[in-house]
Amino acid sequence: MIAEDGTISFVQELLDLLDGFLREYEERRGPLGSDLERGLVITYLLGVLRCDARAIGECVARAPAFGSIHPRLVYEECVGRNPEIVTERQKWIAREIARRGWLNLPERVD
């Protein structure tokens, strides 16, 4: 989660979580029949994760320690300064998704 250079990433943990869910889903419901089905299930799972993470963030943001400044604004400003890091992370994620056999994705990120 914390790299040698101090960067933080939960990508590996999230991919492992999704991998586990896909296995459990296929054990209960049978194999996903196509890339479209797999892509839709993954997209839905990511939506649920995003919703849960946002709900946690909103609860934390209400802490009196933050006053009137929403902590998400600080994060968004930091990410905005490093778009090349985001692009490289997305390329790595595309390769990892393909390696896991979920979907074939282009490394190119628009």
N, C-alpha and C. Protein backbone atom coordinates (compact mmCIF):
# COMPACT_ATOMS: atom_id res chain seq x y z
N MET A 1 0.81 -1.19 0.00
CA MET A 1 0.00 0.00 0.00
C MET A 1 0.85 1.26 0.00
N ILE A 2 1.94 1.23 0.74
CA ILE A 2 2.85 2.38 0.74
C ILE A 2 4.14 1.95 0.04
N ALA A 3 4.42 2.61 -1.08
CA ALA A 3 5.62 2.27 -1.86
C ALA A 3 6.85 2.88 -1.23
N GLU A 4 8.02 2.42 -1.68
CA GLU A 4 9.30 2.93 -1.18
C GLU A 4 9.41 4.45 -1.32
N ASP A 5 8.81 4.99 -2.40
CA ASP A 5 8.90 6.44 -2.63
C ASP A 5 7.85 7.22 -1.85
N GLY A 6 7.05 6.52 -1.03
CA GLY A 6 6.06 7.18 -0.20
C GLY A 6 4.68 7.30 -0.84
N THR A 7 4.54 6.90 -2.09
CA THR A 7 3.22 6.96 -2.71
C THR A 7 2.31 5.89 -2.13
N ILE A 8 1.04 6.18 -2.18
CA ILE A 8 0.03 5.28 -1.63
C ILE A 8 -0.85 4.79 -2.76
N SER A 9 -1.08 3.49 -2.80
CA SER A 9 -1.96 2.91 -3.81
C SER A 9 -2.65 1.68 -3.24
N PHE A 10 -3.93 1.60 -3.49
CA PHE A 10 -4.70 0.43 -3.09
C PHE A 10 -5.10 -0.40 -4.31
N VAL A 11 -4.47 -0.15 -5.44
CA VAL A 11 -4.84 -0.82 -6.68
C VAL A 11 -4.71 -2.33 -6.54
N GLN A 12 -3.60 -2.82 -6.06
CA GLN A 12 -3.39 -4.26 -5.94
C GLN A 12 -4.44 -4.87 -5.02
N GLU A 13 -4.70 -4.23 -3.90
CA GLU A 13 -5.69 -4.75 -2.96
C GLU A 13 -7.09 -4.73 -3.58
N LEU A 14 -7.42 -3.68 -4.33
CA LEU A 14 -8.73 -3.61 -4.97
C LEU A 14 -8.87 -4.67 -6.07
N LEU A 15 -7.81 -4.85 -6.86
CA LEU A 15 -7.85 -5.89 -7.89
C LEU A 15 -8.02 -7.26 -7.27
N ASP A 16 -7.32 -7.51 -6.17
CA ASP A 16 -7.46 -8.79 -5.47
C ASP A 16 -8.88 -8.95 -4.91
N LEU A 17 -9.45 -7.88 -4.38
CA LEU A 17 -10.82 -7.90 -3.88
C LEU A 17 -11.80 -8.23 -5.00
N LEU A 18 -11.65 -7.54 -6.14
CA LEU A 18 -12.51 -7.80 -7.29
C LEU A 18 -12.32 -9.22 -7.80
N ASP A 19 -11.08 -9.70 -7.83
CA ASP A 19 -10.79 -11.06 -8.26
C ASP A 19 -11.54 -12.07 -7.39
N GLY A 20 -11.47 -11.86 -6.09
CA GLY A 20 -12.17 -12.75 -5.16
C GLY A 20 -13.67 -12.71 -5.36
N PHE A 21 -14.20 -11.51 -5.59
CA PHE A 21 -15.64 -11.41 -5.81
C PHE A 21 -16.04 -12.12 -7.10
N LEU A 22 -15.25 -11.93 -8.16
CA LEU A 22 -15.57 -12.59 -9.43
C LEU A 22 -15.57 -14.11 -9.27
N ARG A 23 -14.59 -14.64 -8.53
CA ARG A 23 -14.55 -16.08 -8.29
C ARG A 23 -15.81 -16.54 -7.54
N GLU A 24 -16.15 -15.81 -6.48
CA GLU A 24 -17.33 -16.17 -5.70
C GLU A 24 -18.61 -16.05 -6.54
N TYR A 25 -18.69 -15.00 -7.33
CA TYR A 25 -19.86 -14.79 -8.19
C TYR A 25 -20.02 -15.97 -9.16
N GLU A 26 -18.90 -16.36 -9.79
CA GLU A 26 -18.96 -17.46 -10.75
C GLU A 26 -19.24 -18.80 -10.08
N GLU A 27 -18.79 -18.98 -8.84
CA GLU A 27 -19.11 -20.21 -8.11
C GLU A 27 -20.61 -20.30 -7.84
N ARG A 28 -21.23 -19.17 -7.54
CA ARG A 28 -22.66 -19.16 -7.22
C ARG A 28 -23.55 -19.10 -8.45
N ARG A 29 -23.14 -18.32 -9.45
CA ARG A 29 -24.00 -18.05 -10.60
C ARG A 29 -23.56 -18.73 -11.90
N GLY A 30 -22.38 -19.31 -11.87
CA GLY A 30 -21.84 -19.91 -13.09
C GLY A 30 -20.91 -18.92 -13.79
N PRO A 31 -20.16 -19.43 -14.76
CA PRO A 31 -19.17 -18.59 -15.44
C PRO A 31 -19.81 -17.42 -16.18
N LEU A 32 -19.10 -16.32 -16.17
CA LEU A 32 -19.53 -15.17 -16.96
C LEU A 32 -19.30 -15.52 -18.43
N GLY A 33 -20.29 -15.29 -19.26
CA GLY A 33 -20.27 -15.80 -20.62
C GLY A 33 -19.51 -14.98 -21.63
N SER A 34 -19.18 -13.76 -21.30
CA SER A 34 -18.52 -12.92 -22.31
C SER A 34 -17.76 -11.79 -21.62
N ASP A 35 -16.92 -11.13 -22.42
CA ASP A 35 -16.22 -9.95 -21.91
C ASP A 35 -17.22 -8.87 -21.51
N LEU A 36 -18.32 -8.78 -22.24
CA LEU A 36 -19.34 -7.78 -21.90
C LEU A 36 -19.92 -8.06 -20.53
N GLU A 37 -20.29 -9.30 -20.27
CA GLU A 37 -20.83 -9.66 -18.95
C GLU A 37 -19.81 -9.37 -17.85
N ARG A 38 -18.57 -9.80 -18.07
CA ARG A 38 -17.52 -9.58 -17.07
C ARG A 38 -17.31 -8.09 -16.86
N GLY A 39 -17.27 -7.34 -17.95
CA GLY A 39 -17.09 -5.89 -17.85
C GLY A 39 -18.22 -5.22 -17.09
N LEU A 40 -19.45 -5.66 -17.32
CA LEU A 40 -20.59 -5.09 -16.61
C LEU A 40 -20.54 -5.41 -15.12
N VAL A 41 -20.17 -6.64 -14.78
CA VAL A 41 -20.07 -7.00 -13.36
C VAL A 41 -18.96 -6.19 -12.69
N ILE A 42 -17.82 -6.08 -13.34
CA ILE A 42 -16.71 -5.30 -12.77
C ILE A 42 -17.11 -3.85 -12.61
N THR A 43 -17.78 -3.29 -13.61
CA THR A 43 -18.23 -1.90 -13.54
C THR A 43 -19.20 -1.70 -12.38
N TYR A 44 -20.12 -2.63 -12.21
CA TYR A 44 -21.07 -2.53 -11.11
C TYR A 44 -20.33 -2.58 -9.76
N LEU A 45 -19.39 -3.53 -9.64
CA LEU A 45 -18.63 -3.65 -8.40
C LEU A 45 -17.86 -2.37 -8.10
N LEU A 46 -17.25 -1.79 -9.12
CA LEU A 46 -16.52 -0.54 -8.92
C LEU A 46 -17.45 0.58 -8.47
N GLY A 47 -18.66 0.58 -9.00
CA GLY A 47 -19.65 1.57 -8.57
C GLY A 47 -19.99 1.42 -7.10
N VAL A 48 -20.17 0.16 -6.66
CA VAL A 48 -20.47 -0.09 -5.26
C VAL A 48 -19.28 0.35 -4.39
N LEU A 49 -18.07 0.00 -4.81
CA LEU A 49 -16.88 0.42 -4.06
C LEU A 49 -16.78 1.93 -3.98
N ARG A 50 -17.03 2.61 -5.11
CA ARG A 50 -16.97 4.07 -5.15
C ARG A 50 -18.01 4.67 -4.20
N CYS A 51 -19.21 4.12 -4.22
CA CYS A 51 -20.29 4.61 -3.35
C CYS A 51 -19.91 4.43 -1.88
N ASP A 52 -19.40 3.26 -1.55
CA ASP A 52 -18.99 2.99 -0.17
C ASP A 52 -17.85 3.91 0.26
N ALA A 53 -16.84 4.07 -0.61
CA ALA A 53 -15.71 4.93 -0.28
C ALA A 53 -16.16 6.38 -0.11
N ARG A 54 -17.05 6.83 -0.99
CA ARG A 54 -17.55 8.21 -0.88
C ARG A 54 -18.32 8.40 0.42
N ALA A 55 -19.14 7.41 0.80
CA ALA A 55 -19.90 7.51 2.04
C ALA A 55 -18.97 7.59 3.25
N ILE A 56 -17.93 6.78 3.24
CA ILE A 56 -16.94 6.84 4.33
C ILE A 56 -16.27 8.22 4.35
N GLY A 57 -15.86 8.69 3.16
CA GLY A 57 -15.22 10.00 3.08
C GLY A 57 -16.10 11.13 3.56
N GLU A 58 -17.37 11.08 3.22
CA GLU A 58 -18.30 12.12 3.66
C GLU A 58 -18.47 12.10 5.17
N CYS A 59 -18.52 10.91 5.76
CA CYS A 59 -18.61 10.82 7.23
C CYS A 59 -17.37 11.41 7.88
N VAL A 60 -16.20 11.07 7.36
CA VAL A 60 -14.94 11.59 7.92
C VAL A 60 -14.87 13.10 7.74
N ALA A 61 -15.32 13.60 6.59
CA ALA A 61 -15.24 15.04 6.29
C ALA A 61 -16.07 15.88 7.25
N ARG A 62 -17.06 15.27 7.90
CA ARG A 62 -17.89 16.02 8.85
C ARG A 62 -17.20 16.23 10.20
N ALA A 63 -16.01 15.65 10.36
CA ALA A 63 -15.29 15.81 11.63
C ALA A 63 -14.99 17.30 11.85
N PRO A 64 -15.20 17.78 13.06
CA PRO A 64 -14.95 19.19 13.35
C PRO A 64 -13.51 19.65 13.04
N ALA A 65 -12.57 18.72 13.03
CA ALA A 65 -11.17 19.08 12.79
C ALA A 65 -10.98 19.75 11.43
N PHE A 66 -11.84 19.45 10.45
CA PHE A 66 -11.68 20.00 9.11
C PHE A 66 -12.31 21.38 8.95
N GLY A 67 -13.11 21.81 9.91
CA GLY A 67 -13.75 23.11 9.80
C GLY A 67 -14.59 23.20 8.54
N SER A 68 -14.42 24.29 7.80
CA SER A 68 -15.24 24.50 6.60
C SER A 68 -14.58 23.98 5.33
N ILE A 69 -13.37 23.44 5.43
CA ILE A 69 -12.66 22.94 4.24
C ILE A 69 -12.89 21.44 4.11
N HIS A 70 -13.42 21.04 2.97
CA HIS A 70 -13.65 19.62 2.73
C HIS A 70 -12.31 18.97 2.38
N PRO A 71 -11.93 17.89 3.09
CA PRO A 71 -10.62 17.27 2.84
C PRO A 71 -10.47 16.73 1.42
N ARG A 72 -11.55 16.43 0.72
CA ARG A 72 -11.45 15.94 -0.65
C ARG A 72 -10.84 16.99 -1.56
N LEU A 73 -11.06 18.26 -1.28
CA LEU A 73 -10.48 19.33 -2.10
C LEU A 73 -8.95 19.30 -2.04
N VAL A 74 -8.41 19.00 -0.88
CA VAL A 74 -6.95 18.90 -0.73
C VAL A 74 -6.43 17.76 -1.59
N TYR A 75 -7.09 16.62 -1.53
CA TYR A 75 -6.69 15.47 -2.34
C TYR A 75 -6.76 15.79 -3.83
N GLU A 76 -7.88 16.36 -4.27
CA GLU A 76 -8.05 16.67 -5.69
C GLU A 76 -6.99 17.65 -6.19
N GLU A 77 -6.60 18.58 -5.36
CA GLU A 77 -5.54 19.51 -5.75
C GLU A 77 -4.21 18.77 -5.90
N CYS A 78 -3.92 17.86 -5.01
CA CYS A 78 -2.67 17.09 -5.09
C CYS A 78 -2.65 16.23 -6.34
N VAL A 79 -3.73 15.54 -6.64
CA VAL A 79 -3.80 14.68 -7.82
C VAL A 79 -3.70 15.51 -9.09
N GLY A 80 -4.32 16.67 -9.08
CA GLY A 80 -4.29 17.54 -10.25
C GLY A 80 -2.90 18.00 -10.62
N ARG A 81 -2.00 18.02 -9.67
CA ARG A 81 -0.62 18.43 -9.93
C ARG A 81 0.21 17.34 -10.57
N ASN A 82 -0.25 16.10 -10.54
CA ASN A 82 0.53 14.96 -11.02
C ASN A 82 -0.25 14.09 -12.00
N PRO A 83 -0.72 14.65 -13.13
CA PRO A 83 -1.50 13.82 -14.05
C PRO A 83 -0.70 12.68 -14.67
N GLU A 84 0.62 12.83 -14.79
CA GLU A 84 1.43 11.74 -15.36
C GLU A 84 1.45 10.52 -14.44
N ILE A 85 1.38 10.73 -13.14
CA ILE A 85 1.32 9.61 -12.21
C ILE A 85 0.00 8.85 -12.40
N VAL A 86 -1.09 9.59 -12.57
CA VAL A 86 -2.40 8.98 -12.79
C VAL A 86 -2.38 8.17 -14.09
N THR A 87 -1.80 8.74 -15.15
CA THR A 87 -1.74 8.06 -16.45
C THR A 87 -0.93 6.78 -16.35
N GLU A 88 0.22 6.81 -15.71
CA GLU A 88 1.06 5.61 -15.56
C GLU A 88 0.35 4.54 -14.74
N ARG A 89 -0.36 4.96 -13.70
CA ARG A 89 -1.09 4.00 -12.87
C ARG A 89 -2.19 3.34 -13.71
N GLN A 90 -2.88 4.11 -14.55
CA GLN A 90 -3.94 3.55 -15.39
C GLN A 90 -3.37 2.56 -16.40
N LYS A 91 -2.20 2.83 -16.94
CA LYS A 91 -1.56 1.90 -17.87
C LYS A 91 -1.24 0.58 -17.16
N TRP A 92 -0.69 0.69 -15.96
CA TRP A 92 -0.36 -0.51 -15.19
C TRP A 92 -1.63 -1.31 -14.88
N ILE A 93 -2.70 -0.61 -14.50
CA ILE A 93 -3.96 -1.28 -14.19
C ILE A 93 -4.49 -2.02 -15.41
N ALA A 94 -4.43 -1.40 -16.59
CA ALA A 94 -4.90 -2.06 -17.82
C ALA A 94 -4.11 -3.34 -18.08
N ARG A 95 -2.80 -3.30 -17.88
CA ARG A 95 -1.98 -4.50 -18.06
C ARG A 95 -2.35 -5.58 -17.04
N GLU A 96 -2.59 -5.17 -15.80
CA GLU A 96 -2.92 -6.12 -14.74
C GLU A 96 -4.29 -6.76 -14.99
N ILE A 97 -5.26 -5.98 -15.44
CA ILE A 97 -6.58 -6.53 -15.74
C ILE A 97 -6.47 -7.56 -16.86
N ALA A 98 -5.68 -7.25 -17.89
CA ALA A 98 -5.48 -8.19 -19.00
C ALA A 98 -4.75 -9.45 -18.50
N ARG A 99 -3.75 -9.28 -17.64
CA ARG A 99 -3.00 -10.42 -17.11
C ARG A 99 -3.91 -11.36 -16.32
N ARG A 100 -4.86 -10.79 -15.60
CA ARG A 100 -5.79 -11.60 -14.82
C ARG A 100 -6.85 -12.26 -15.70
N GLY A 101 -6.90 -11.87 -16.97
CA GLY A 101 -7.83 -12.48 -17.90
C GLY A 101 -9.25 -11.93 -17.82
N TRP A 102 -9.42 -10.79 -17.17
CA TRP A 102 -10.75 -10.23 -17.06
C TRP A 102 -11.22 -9.67 -18.39
N LEU A 103 -10.40 -8.79 -18.95
CA LEU A 103 -10.72 -8.10 -20.20
C LEU A 103 -9.40 -7.73 -20.87
N ASN A 104 -9.41 -7.61 -22.18
CA ASN A 104 -8.25 -7.05 -22.88
C ASN A 104 -8.48 -5.55 -23.02
N LEU A 105 -7.61 -4.78 -22.42
CA LEU A 105 -7.75 -3.33 -22.46
C LEU A 105 -6.53 -2.71 -23.11
N PRO A 106 -6.73 -1.64 -23.87
CA PRO A 106 -5.57 -0.93 -24.40
C PRO A 106 -4.86 -0.20 -23.26
N GLU A 107 -3.55 -0.12 -23.33
CA GLU A 107 -2.81 0.62 -22.31
C GLU A 107 -2.98 2.11 -22.47
N ARG A 108 -3.34 2.53 -23.67
CA ARG A 108 -3.52 3.94 -23.95
C ARG A 108 -4.71 4.47 -23.16
N VAL A 109 -4.51 5.56 -22.43
CA VAL A 109 -5.56 6.18 -21.64
C VAL A 109 -5.80 7.57 -22.19
N ASP A 110 -7.05 7.83 -22.56
CA ASP A 110 -7.40 9.16 -23.09
C ASP A 110 -7.78 10.11 -21.99
